[in-house]
PDB file of N, CA and C in Angstrom:
ATOM      1  N   MET A   1     176.153  65.163 154.838  1.00  0.00           N
ATOM      2  CA  MET A   1     177.259  65.109 153.910  1.00  0.00           C
ATOM      3  C   MET A   1     177.628  66.537 153.523  1.00  0.00           C
ATOM      4  N   ILE A   2     178.906  66.781 153.364  1.00  0.00           N
ATOM      5  CA  ILE A   2     179.398  68.084 152.909  1.00  0.00           C
ATOM      6  C   ILE A   2     180.147  67.861 151.608  1.00  0.00           C
ATOM      7  N   SER A   3     179.743  68.596 150.574  1.00  0.00           N
ATOM      8  CA  SER A   3     180.392  68.503 149.265  1.00  0.00           C
ATOM      9  C   SER A   3     180.952  69.863 148.892  1.00  0.00           C
ATOM     10  N   VAL A   4     182.158  69.875 148.341  1.00  0.00           N
ATOM     11  CA  VAL A   4     182.786  71.110 147.887  1.00  0.00           C
ATOM     12  C   VAL A   4     182.972  71.013 146.376  1.00  0.00           C
ATOM     13  N   PHE A   5     182.529  72.041 145.680  1.00  0.00           N
ATOM     14  CA  PHE A   5     182.644  72.085 144.231  1.00  0.00           C
ATOM     15  C   PHE A   5     183.488  73.286 143.835  1.00  0.00           C
ATOM     16  N   SER A   6     184.422  73.062 142.955  1.00  0.00           N
ATOM     17  CA  SER A   6     185.239  74.142 142.424  1.00  0.00           C
ATOM     18  C   SER A   6     185.458  73.844 140.951  1.00  0.00           C
ATOM     19  N   ASN A   7     184.841  74.639 140.103  1.00  0.00           N
ATOM     20  CA  ASN A   7     184.943  74.438 138.663  1.00  0.00           C
ATOM     21  C   ASN A   7     185.600  75.638 138.004  1.00  0.00           C
ATOM     22  N   GLU A   8     186.609  75.382 137.200  1.00  0.00           N
ATOM     23  CA  GLU A   8     187.273  76.472 136.492  1.00  0.00           C
ATOM     24  C   GLU A   8     186.578  76.705 135.156  1.00  0.00           C
ATOM     25  N   ARG A   9     186.275  77.954 134.886  1.00  0.00           N
ATOM     26  CA  ARG A   9     185.659  78.358 133.621  1.00  0.00           C
ATOM     27  C   ARG A   9     186.751  78.565 132.578  1.00  0.00           C
ATOM     28  N   PRO A  10     186.396  78.556 131.279  1.00  0.00           N
ATOM     29  CA  PRO A  10     187.396  78.764 130.226  1.00  0.00           C
ATOM     30  C   PRO A  10     188.179  80.071 130.371  1.00  0.00           C
ATOM     31  N   ASN A  11     187.556  81.092 130.974  1.00  0.00           N
ATOM     32  CA  ASN A  11     188.242  82.376 131.145  1.00  0.00           C
ATOM     33  C   ASN A  11     189.166  82.394 132.359  1.00  0.00           C
ATOM     34  N   GLY A  12     189.275  81.243 133.069  1.00  0.00           N
ATOM     35  CA  GLY A  12     190.166  81.153 134.221  1.00  0.00           C
ATOM     36  C   GLY A  12     189.497  81.415 135.554  1.00  0.00           C
ATOM     37  N   ASN A  13     188.271  81.933 135.544  1.00  0.00           N
ATOM     38  CA  ASN A  13     187.548  82.166 136.794  1.00  0.00           C
ATOM     39  C   ASN A  13     187.026  80.854 137.355  1.00  0.00           C
ATOM     40  N   GLU A  14     186.994  80.770 138.668  1.00  0.00           N
ATOM     41  CA  GLU A  14     186.478  79.575 139.326  1.00  0.00           C
ATOM     42  C   GLU A  14     185.114  79.835 139.940  1.00  0.00           C
ATOM     43  N   VAL A  15     184.274  78.807 139.901  1.00  0.00           N
ATOM     44  CA  VAL A  15     182.983  78.825 140.569  1.00  0.00           C
ATOM     45  C   VAL A  15     183.120  77.924 141.789  1.00  0.00           C
ATOM     46  N   ARG A  16     182.796  78.447 142.976  1.00  0.00           N
ATOM     47  CA  ARG A  16     182.967  77.682 144.213  1.00  0.00           C
ATOM     48  C   ARG A  16     181.649  77.558 144.954  1.00  0.00           C
ATOM     49  N   ASN A  17     181.358  76.327 145.356  1.00  0.00           N
ATOM     50  CA  ASN A  17     180.168  76.030 146.144  1.00  0.00           C
ATOM     51  C   ASN A  17     180.505  75.042 147.236  1.00  0.00           C
ATOM     52  N   VAL A  18     179.842  75.198 148.359  1.00  0.00           N
ATOM     53  CA  VAL A  18     179.855  74.198 149.421  1.00  0.00           C
ATOM     54  C   VAL A  18     178.400  73.807 149.628  1.00  0.00           C
ATOM     55  N   ARG A  19     178.147  72.497 149.605  1.00  0.00           N
ATOM     56  CA  ARG A  19     176.772  72.016 149.742  1.00  0.00           C
ATOM     57  C   ARG A  19     176.676  71.108 150.972  1.00  0.00           C
ATOM     58  N   PHE A  20     175.731  71.441 151.860  1.00  0.00           N
ATOM     59  CA  PHE A  20     175.447  70.656 153.056  1.00  0.00           C
ATOM     60  C   PHE A  20     174.157  69.884 152.813  1.00  0.00           C
ATOM     61  N   THR A  21     174.218  68.557 152.857  1.00  0.00           N
ATOM     62  CA  THR A  21     173.034  67.719 152.735  1.00  0.00           C
ATOM     63  C   THR A  21     172.783  67.087 154.102  1.00  0.00           C
ATOM     64  N   PHE A  22     171.620  67.366 154.675  1.00  0.00           N
ATOM     65  CA  PHE A  22     171.309  66.927 156.029  1.00  0.00           C
ATOM     66  C   PHE A  22     170.548  65.608 156.021  1.00  0.00           C
ATOM     67  N   ASP A  23     170.500  64.959 157.175  1.00  0.00           N
ATOM     68  CA  ASP A  23     169.807  63.678 157.303  1.00  0.00           C
ATOM     69  C   ASP A  23     168.331  63.783 156.912  1.00  0.00           C
ATOM     70  N   ASN A  24     167.738  64.970 157.071  1.00  0.00           N
ATOM     71  CA  ASN A  24     166.334  65.148 156.710  1.00  0.00           C
ATOM     72  C   ASN A  24     166.127  65.329 155.203  1.00  0.00           C
ATOM     73  N   GLY A  25     167.224  65.318 154.435  1.00  0.00           N
ATOM     74  CA  GLY A  25     167.142  65.430 152.983  1.00  0.00           C
ATOM     75  C   GLY A  25     167.216  66.842 152.442  1.00  0.00           C
ATOM     76  N   HIS A  26     167.125  67.842 153.316  1.00  0.00           N
ATOM     77  CA  HIS A  26     167.237  69.231 152.878  1.00  0.00           C
ATOM     78  C   HIS A  26     168.700  69.564 152.578  1.00  0.00           C
ATOM     79  N   VAL A  27     168.902  70.531 151.676  1.00  0.00           N
ATOM     80  CA  VAL A  27     170.241  70.930 151.247  1.00  0.00           C
ATOM     81  C   VAL A  27     170.396  72.442 151.402  1.00  0.00           C
ATOM     82  N   VAL A  28     171.546  72.869 151.897  1.00  0.00           N
ATOM     83  CA  VAL A  28     171.940  74.278 151.892  1.00  0.00           C
ATOM     84  C   VAL A  28     173.185  74.375 151.029  1.00  0.00           C
ATOM     85  N   SER A  29     173.128  75.241 150.020  1.00  0.00           N
ATOM     86  CA  SER A  29     174.250  75.449 149.114  1.00  0.00           C
ATOM     87  C   SER A  29     174.749  76.877 149.286  1.00  0.00           C
ATOM     88  N   ILE A  30     176.060  77.020 149.451  1.00  0.00           N
ATOM     89  CA  ILE A  30     176.681  78.336 149.622  1.00  0.00           C
ATOM     90  C   ILE A  30     177.642  78.559 148.472  1.00  0.00           C
ATOM     91  N   GLY A  31     177.486  79.685 147.788  1.00  0.00           N
ATOM     92  CA  GLY A  31     178.337  80.005 146.653  1.00  0.00           C
ATOM     93  C   GLY A  31     179.132  81.269 146.886  1.00  0.00           C
ATOM     94  N   MET A  32     180.384  81.245 146.394  1.00  0.00           N
ATOM     95  CA  MET A  32     181.233  82.437 146.497  1.00  0.00           C
ATOM     96  C   MET A  32     182.196  82.470 145.315  1.00  0.00           C
ATOM     97  N   SER A  33     181.917  83.339 144.385  1.00  0.00           N
ATOM     98  CA  SER A  33     182.788  83.548 143.234  1.00  0.00           C
ATOM     99  C   SER A  33     182.307  84.798 142.511  1.00  0.00           C
ATOM    100  N   ALA A  34     182.946  85.118 141.429  1.00  0.00           N
ATOM    101  CA  ALA A  34     182.519  86.260 140.623  1.00  0.00           C
ATOM    102  C   ALA A  34     181.160  86.015 139.986  1.00  0.00           C
ATOM    103  N   PHE A  35     180.667  84.778 140.041  1.00  0.00           N
ATOM    104  CA  PHE A  35     179.393  84.416 139.425  1.00  0.00           C
ATOM    105  C   PHE A  35     178.264  84.316 140.444  1.00  0.00           C
ATOM    106  N   HIS A  36     178.537  84.579 141.705  1.00  0.00           N
ATOM    107  CA  HIS A  36     177.538  84.493 142.761  1.00  0.00           C
ATOM    108  C   HIS A  36     177.234  85.876 143.322  1.00  0.00           C
ATOM    109  N   TYR A  37     176.089  85.965 144.003  1.00  0.00           N
ATOM    110  CA  TYR A  37     175.702  87.207 144.672  1.00  0.00           C
ATOM    111  C   TYR A  37     176.387  87.258 146.032  1.00  0.00           C
ATOM    112  N   CYS A  38     177.662  87.645 146.011  1.00  0.00           N
ATOM    113  CA  CYS A  38     178.453  87.722 147.229  1.00  0.00           C
ATOM    114  C   CYS A  38     179.220  89.041 147.231  1.00  0.00           C
ATOM    115  N   SER A  39     179.867  89.305 148.347  1.00  0.00           N
ATOM    116  CA  SER A  39     180.602  90.557 148.469  1.00  0.00           C
ATOM    117  C   SER A  39     181.955  90.290 149.125  1.00  0.00           C
ATOM    118  N   PRO A  40     183.058  90.633 148.468  1.00  0.00           N
ATOM    119  CA  PRO A  40     183.127  91.202 147.115  1.00  0.00           C
ATOM    120  C   PRO A  40     182.874  90.136 146.052  1.00  0.00           C
ATOM    121  N   ARG A  41     182.422  90.593 144.913  1.00  0.00           N
ATOM    122  CA  ARG A  41     182.065  89.703 143.809  1.00  0.00           C
ATOM    123  C   ARG A  41     183.232  89.631 142.823  1.00  0.00           C
ATOM    124  N   THR A  42     184.322  89.045 143.300  1.00  0.00           N
ATOM    125  CA  THR A  42     185.541  88.929 142.500  1.00  0.00           C
ATOM    126  C   THR A  42     186.180  87.571 142.753  1.00  0.00           C
ATOM    127  N   GLN A  43     187.172  87.242 141.972  1.00  0.00           N
ATOM    128  CA  GLN A  43     187.978  86.046 142.224  1.00  0.00           C
ATOM    129  C   GLN A  43     189.011  86.421 143.270  1.00  0.00           C
ATOM    130  N   GLN A  44     189.341  85.482 144.162  1.00  0.00           N
ATOM    131  CA  GLN A  44     190.320  85.773 145.205  1.00  0.00           C
ATOM    132  C   GLN A  44     191.313  84.636 145.385  1.00  0.00           C
ATOM    133  N   GLY A  45     191.598  83.892 144.375  1.00  0.00           N
ATOM    134  CA  GLY A  45     192.593  82.840 144.493  1.00  0.00           C
ATOM    135  C   GLY A  45     192.075  81.614 145.236  1.00  0.00           C
ATOM    136  N   LEU A  46     192.986  80.880 145.850  1.00  0.00           N
ATOM    137  CA  LEU A  46     192.640  79.610 146.476  1.00  0.00           C
ATOM    138  C   LEU A  46     191.873  79.748 147.786  1.00  0.00           C
ATOM    139  N   ASN A  47     192.037  80.839 148.488  1.00  0.00           N
ATOM    140  CA  ASN A  47     191.406  81.013 149.796  1.00  0.00           C
ATOM    141  C   ASN A  47     190.575  82.292 149.846  1.00  0.00           C
ATOM    142  N   PRO A  48     189.432  82.284 149.180  1.00  0.00           N
ATOM    143  CA  PRO A  48     188.639  83.507 149.124  1.00  0.00           C
ATOM    144  C   PRO A  48     188.012  83.845 150.477  1.00  0.00           C
ATOM    145  N   GLU A  49     187.934  85.127 150.760  1.00  0.00           N
ATOM    146  CA  GLU A  49     187.233  85.613 151.946  1.00  0.00           C
ATOM    147  C   GLU A  49     186.113  86.517 151.474  1.00  0.00           C
ATOM    148  N   ARG A  50     184.965  86.389 152.099  1.00  0.00           N
ATOM    149  CA  ARG A  50     183.800  87.168 151.708  1.00  0.00           C
ATOM    150  C   ARG A  50     183.146  87.779 152.941  1.00  0.00           C
ATOM    151  N   GLU A  51     182.607  88.965 152.772  1.00  0.00           N
ATOM    152  CA  GLU A  51     181.782  89.582 153.810  1.00  0.00           C
ATOM    153  C   GLU A  51     180.383  88.988 153.764  1.00  0.00           C
ATOM    154  N   GLY A  52     179.948  88.594 152.578  1.00  0.00           N
ATOM    155  CA  GLY A  52     178.636  87.992 152.395  1.00  0.00           C
ATOM    156  C   GLY A  52     178.690  86.975 151.276  1.00  0.00           C
ATOM    157  N   VAL A  53     177.848  85.948 151.366  1.00  0.00           N
ATOM    158  CA  VAL A  53     177.833  84.879 150.369  1.00  0.00           C
ATOM    159  C   VAL A  53     176.418  84.647 149.859  1.00  0.00           C
ATOM    160  N   GLU A  54     176.322  83.948 148.740  1.00  0.00           N
ATOM    161  CA  GLU A  54     175.039  83.533 148.186  1.00  0.00           C
ATOM    162  C   GLU A  54     174.631  82.217 148.837  1.00  0.00           C
ATOM    163  N   LEU A  55     173.349  82.069 149.130  1.00  0.00           N
ATOM    164  CA  LEU A  55     172.852  80.857 149.763  1.00  0.00           C
ATOM    165  C   LEU A  55     171.572  80.404 149.068  1.00  0.00           C
ATOM    166  N   ALA A  56     171.449  79.094 148.895  1.00  0.00           N
ATOM    167  CA  ALA A  56     170.227  78.497 148.362  1.00  0.00           C
ATOM    168  C   ALA A  56     169.826  77.325 149.234  1.00  0.00           C
ATOM    169  N   VAL A  57     168.530  77.103 149.351  1.00  0.00           N
ATOM    170  CA  VAL A  57     167.992  75.967 150.085  1.00  0.00           C
ATOM    171  C   VAL A  57     167.162  75.138 149.118  1.00  0.00           C
ATOM    172  N   ILE A  58     167.438  73.830 149.087  1.00  0.00           N
ATOM    173  CA  ILE A  58     166.635  72.895 148.298  1.00  0.00           C
ATOM    174  C   ILE A  58     166.035  71.916 149.306  1.00  0.00           C
ATOM    175  N   LEU A  59     164.723  71.823 149.310  1.00  0.00           N
ATOM    176  CA  LEU A  59     164.027  70.969 150.261  1.00  0.00           C
ATOM    177  C   LEU A  59     164.110  69.507 149.858  1.00  0.00           C
ATOM    178  N   SER A  60     163.805  68.635 150.794  1.00  0.00           N
ATOM    179  CA  SER A  60     163.872  67.192 150.544  1.00  0.00           C
ATOM    180  C   SER A  60     162.944  66.746 149.427  1.00  0.00           C
ATOM    181  N   ASN A  61     161.899  67.531 149.145  1.00  0.00           N
ATOM    182  CA  ASN A  61     160.977  67.195 148.056  1.00  0.00           C
ATOM    183  C   ASN A  61     161.444  67.749 146.705  1.00  0.00           C
ATOM    184  N   GLY A  62     162.656  68.333 146.673  1.00  0.00           N
ATOM    185  CA  GLY A  62     163.225  68.855 145.432  1.00  0.00           C
ATOM    186  C   GLY A  62     162.844  70.285 145.100  1.00  0.00           C
ATOM    187  N   GLU A  63     161.979  70.877 145.883  1.00  0.00           N
ATOM    188  CA  GLU A  63     161.543  72.254 145.655  1.00  0.00           C
ATOM    189  C   GLU A  63     162.519  73.242 146.292  1.00  0.00           C
ATOM    190  N   TRP A  64     162.547  74.463 145.736  1.00  0.00           N
ATOM    191  CA  TRP A  64     163.329  75.524 146.348  1.00  0.00           C
ATOM    192  C   TRP A  64     162.739  75.861 147.705  1.00  0.00           C
ATOM    193  N   GLY A  65     163.584  76.116 148.684  1.00  0.00           N
ATOM    194  CA  GLY A  65     163.123  76.516 150.007  1.00  0.00           C
ATOM    195  C   GLY A  65     163.797  77.775 150.517  1.00  0.00           C
ATOM    196  N   THR A  66     164.548  78.437 149.649  1.00  0.00           N
ATOM    197  CA  THR A  66     165.316  79.615 150.063  1.00  0.00           C
ATOM    198  C   THR A  66     164.413  80.721 150.585  1.00  0.00           C
ATOM    199  N   ARG A  67     163.385  81.052 149.825  1.00  0.00           N
ATOM    200  CA  ARG A  67     162.519  82.167 150.220  1.00  0.00           C
ATOM    201  C   ARG A  67     161.871  81.901 151.579  1.00  0.00           C
ATOM    202  N   GLU A  68     161.377  80.674 151.778  1.00  0.00           N
ATOM    203  CA  GLU A  68     160.747  80.324 153.042  1.00  0.00           C
ATOM    204  C   GLU A  68     161.752  80.388 154.186  1.00  0.00           C
ATOM    205  N   ALA A  69     162.940  79.812 153.980  1.00  0.00           N
ATOM    206  CA  ALA A  69     163.948  79.786 155.042  1.00  0.00           C
ATOM    207  C   ALA A  69     164.376  81.192 155.441  1.00  0.00           C
ATOM    208  N   VAL A  70     164.664  82.031 154.457  1.00  0.00           N
ATOM    209  CA  VAL A  70     165.107  83.392 154.760  1.00  0.00           C
ATOM    210  C   VAL A  70     163.987  84.171 155.453  1.00  0.00           C
ATOM    211  N   ASN A  71     162.771  84.000 154.966  1.00  0.00           N
ATOM    212  CA  ASN A  71     161.639  84.694 155.582  1.00  0.00           C
ATOM    213  C   ASN A  71     161.416  84.224 157.019  1.00  0.00           C
ATOM    214  N   GLU A  72     161.473  82.921 157.247  1.00  0.00           N
ATOM    215  CA  GLU A  72     161.243  82.377 158.578  1.00  0.00           C
ATOM    216  C   GLU A  72     162.357  82.756 159.557  1.00  0.00           C
ATOM    217  N   VAL A  73     163.590  82.806 159.086  1.00  0.00           N
ATOM    218  CA  VAL A  73     164.735  83.054 159.981  1.00  0.00           C
ATOM    219  C   VAL A  73     165.096  84.536 160.071  1.00  0.00           C
ATOM    220  N   LEU A  74     165.134  85.210 158.917  1.00  0.00           N
ATOM    221  CA  LEU A  74     165.617  86.600 158.897  1.00  0.00           C
ATOM    222  C   LEU A  74     164.501  87.628 158.747  1.00  0.00           C
ATOM    223  N   GLY A  75     163.288  87.159 158.443  1.00  0.00           N
ATOM    224  CA  GLY A  75     162.144  88.061 158.411  1.00  0.00           C
ATOM    225  C   GLY A  75     161.947  88.862 157.146  1.00  0.00           C
ATOM    226  N   TYR A  76     162.516  88.411 156.031  1.00  0.00           N
ATOM    227  CA  TYR A  76     162.263  89.096 154.768  1.00  0.00           C
ATOM    228  C   TYR A  76     162.288  88.095 153.618  1.00  0.00           C
ATOM    229  N   ASP A  77     161.680  88.468 152.509  1.00  0.00           N
ATOM    230  CA  ASP A  77     161.662  87.644 151.301  1.00  0.00           C
ATOM    231  C   ASP A  77     162.808  88.099 150.402  1.00  0.00           C
ATOM    232  N   PRO A  78     163.763  87.204 150.089  1.00  0.00           N
ATOM    233  CA  PRO A  78     164.877  87.617 149.231  1.00  0.00           C
ATOM    234  C   PRO A  78     164.462  87.879 147.789  1.00  0.00           C
ATOM    235  N   GLY A  79     163.246  87.497 147.421  1.00  0.00           N
ATOM    236  CA  GLY A  79     162.737  87.793 146.083  1.00  0.00           C
ATOM    237  C   GLY A  79     163.292  86.903 144.989  1.00  0.00           C
ATOM    238  N   ASP A  80     163.985  85.824 145.354  1.00  0.00           N
ATOM    239  CA  ASP A  80     164.601  84.945 144.361  1.00  0.00           C
ATOM    240  C   ASP A  80     164.816  83.573 145.003  1.00  0.00           C
ATOM    241  N   ASP A  81     165.242  82.618 144.190  1.00  0.00           N
ATOM    242  CA  ASP A  81     165.530  81.277 144.697  1.00  0.00           C
ATOM    243  C   ASP A  81     166.885  81.198 145.389  1.00  0.00           C
ATOM    244  N   VAL A  82     167.651  82.267 145.362  1.00  0.00           N
ATOM    245  CA  VAL A  82     168.893  82.378 146.115  1.00  0.00           C
ATOM    246  C   VAL A  82     168.838  83.673 146.923  1.00  0.00           C
ATOM    247  N   ALA A  83     169.534  83.675 148.050  1.00  0.00           N
ATOM    248  CA  ALA A  83     169.633  84.870 148.883  1.00  0.00           C
ATOM    249  C   ALA A  83     171.036  85.443 148.721  1.00  0.00           C
ATOM    250  N   ALA A  84     171.129  86.746 148.583  1.00  0.00           N
ATOM    251  CA  ALA A  84     172.394  87.412 148.279  1.00  0.00           C
ATOM    252  C   ALA A  84     173.047  88.001 149.516  1.00  0.00           C
ATOM    253  N   ASN A  85     174.384  87.961 149.509  1.00  0.00           N
ATOM    254  CA  ASN A  85     175.219  88.679 150.479  1.00  0.00           C
ATOM    255  C   ASN A  85     174.861  88.429 151.935  1.00  0.00           C
ATOM    256  N   LEU A  86     174.658  87.160 152.298  1.00  0.00           N
ATOM    257  CA  LEU A  86     174.364  86.835 153.688  1.00  0.00           C
ATOM    258  C   LEU A  86     175.653  86.764 154.496  1.00  0.00           C
ATOM    259  N   SER A  87     175.591  87.255 155.722  1.00  0.00           N
ATOM    260  CA  SER A  87     176.756  87.231 156.616  1.00  0.00           C
ATOM    261  C   SER A  87     176.944  85.826 157.192  1.00  0.00           C
ATOM    262  N   ALA A  88     178.075  85.610 157.848  1.00  0.00           N
ATOM    263  CA  ALA A  88     178.354  84.316 158.476  1.00  0.00           C
ATOM    264  C   ALA A  88     177.285  83.977 159.516  1.00  0.00           C
ATOM    265  N   ASP A  89     176.861  84.947 160.312  1.00  0.00           N
ATOM    266  CA  ASP A  89     175.839  84.698 161.328  1.00  0.00           C
ATOM    267  C   ASP A  89     174.496  84.355 160.692  1.00  0.00           C
ATOM    268  N   GLU A  90     174.132  85.046 159.623  1.00  0.00           N
ATOM    269  CA  GLU A  90     172.876  84.749 158.936  1.00  0.00           C
ATOM    270  C   GLU A  90     172.898  83.345 158.331  1.00  0.00           C
ATOM    271  N   VAL A  91     174.027  82.980 157.719  1.00  0.00           N
ATOM    272  CA  VAL A  91     174.169  81.640 157.144  1.00  0.00           C
ATOM    273  C   VAL A  91     174.034  80.585 158.233  1.00  0.00           C
ATOM    274  N   ALA A  92     174.691  80.791 159.360  1.00  0.00           N
ATOM    275  CA  ALA A  92     174.633  79.826 160.461  1.00  0.00           C
ATOM    276  C   ALA A  92     173.211  79.655 160.973  1.00  0.00           C
ATOM    277  N   ARG A  93     172.479  80.738 161.102  1.00  0.00           N
ATOM    278  CA  ARG A  93     171.084  80.663 161.570  1.00  0.00           C
ATOM    279  C   ARG A  93     170.214  79.892 160.583  1.00  0.00           C
ATOM    280  N   ILE A  94     170.406  80.121 159.292  1.00  0.00           N
ATOM    281  CA  ILE A  94     169.613  79.410 158.282  1.00  0.00           C
ATOM    282  C   ILE A  94     169.983  77.935 158.261  1.00  0.00           C
ATOM    283  N   ILE A  95     171.271  77.627 158.332  1.00  0.00           N
ATOM    284  CA  ILE A  95     171.698  76.218 158.358  1.00  0.00           C
ATOM    285  C   ILE A  95     171.046  75.499 159.542  1.00  0.00           C
ATOM    286  N   ALA A  96     171.075  76.093 160.732  1.00  0.00           N
ATOM    287  CA  ALA A  96     170.478  75.464 161.909  1.00  0.00           C
ATOM    288  C   ALA A  96     168.983  75.246 161.711  1.00  0.00           C
ATOM    289  N   HIS A  97     168.308  76.203 161.121  1.00  0.00           N
ATOM    290  CA  HIS A  97     166.863  76.117 160.873  1.00  0.00           C
ATOM    291  C   HIS A  97     166.540  74.991 159.900  1.00  0.00           C
ATOM    292  N   VAL A  98     167.271  74.930 158.808  1.00  0.00           N
ATOM    293  CA  VAL A  98     167.032  73.904 157.783  1.00  0.00           C
ATOM    294  C   VAL A  98     167.388  72.523 158.321  1.00  0.00           C
ATOM    295  N   GLN A  99     168.500  72.414 159.025  1.00  0.00           N
ATOM    296  CA  GLN A  99     168.933  71.133 159.564  1.00  0.00           C
ATOM    297  C   GLN A  99     167.953  70.609 160.606  1.00  0.00           C
ATOM    298  N   SER A 100     167.337  71.495 161.374  1.00  0.00           N
ATOM    299  CA  SER A 100     166.414  71.075 162.430  1.00  0.00           C
ATOM    300  C   SER A 100     165.032  70.736 161.888  1.00  0.00           C
ATOM    301  N   ASP A 101     164.860  70.863 160.575  1.00  0.00           N
ATOM    302  CA  ASP A 101     163.599  70.482 159.900  1.00  0.00           C
ATOM    303  C   ASP A 101     162.440  71.401 160.278  1.00  0.00           C
ATOM    304  N   CYS A 102     162.754  72.652 160.626  1.00  0.00           N
ATOM    305  CA  CYS A 102     161.704  73.604 160.995  1.00  0.00           C
ATOM    306  C   CYS A 102     161.079  74.273 159.795  1.00  0.00           C
ATOM    307  N   ILE A 103     161.674  74.171 158.624  1.00  0.00           N
ATOM    308  CA  ILE A 103     161.190  74.868 157.443  1.00  0.00           C
ATOM    309  C   ILE A 103     159.910  74.234 156.922  1.00  0.00           C
ATOM    310  N   ALA A 104     158.984  75.061 156.482  1.00  0.00           N
ATOM    311  CA  ALA A 104     157.717  74.574 155.928  1.00  0.00           C
ATOM    312  C   ALA A 104     157.962  73.930 154.576  1.00  0.00           C
ATOM    313  N   LEU A 105     157.431  72.735 154.376  1.00  0.00           N
ATOM    314  CA  LEU A 105     157.581  72.064 153.089  1.00  0.00           C
ATOM    315  C   LEU A 105     156.619  72.575 152.041  1.00  0.00           C
ATOM    316  N   ASP A 106     155.575  73.228 152.454  1.00  0.00           N
ATOM    317  CA  ASP A 106     154.579  73.736 151.517  1.00  0.00           C
ATOM    318  C   ASP A 106     154.586  75.253 151.579  1.00  0.00           C
ATOM    319  N   SER A 107     155.093  75.907 150.523  1.00  0.00           N
ATOM    320  CA  SER A 107     155.205  77.362 150.526  1.00  0.00           C
ATOM    321  C   SER A 107     153.827  78.029 150.508  1.00  0.00           C
ATOM    322  N   GLY A 108     152.762  77.262 150.240  1.00  0.00           N
ATOM    323  CA  GLY A 108     151.415  77.816 150.229  1.00  0.00           C
ATOM    324  C   GLY A 108     150.810  77.978 151.619  1.00  0.00           C
ATOM    325  N   GLU A 109     151.492  77.467 152.651  1.00  0.00           N
ATOM    326  CA  GLU A 109     150.947  77.576 154.016  1.00  0.00           C
ATOM    327  C   GLU A 109     151.258  78.915 154.622  1.00  0.00           C
TER     328      GLU A 109
END
């Protein structure tokens, strides 16, 4: 399932997210707005373009999986439950990894 969220804040800024929920229950959420870790970090009207976007992974067990996914796919720890300024290619690689159920469900392993 693909869900698109666009919420307008009282100051007129919009928060935009696209959420991919896969058959395995894992979720990849992509955010792009002045409130996300993206580049540029500004409002851009109805059709925003970004060089990099914020990404989060929520595992089927409800736990965060961002750090594991980024480490397994890109080889580094983003240091947070969201990864900042990922390129289109990096996002695609993480989506494929999460969708294929390759991500470890137990971060202690």
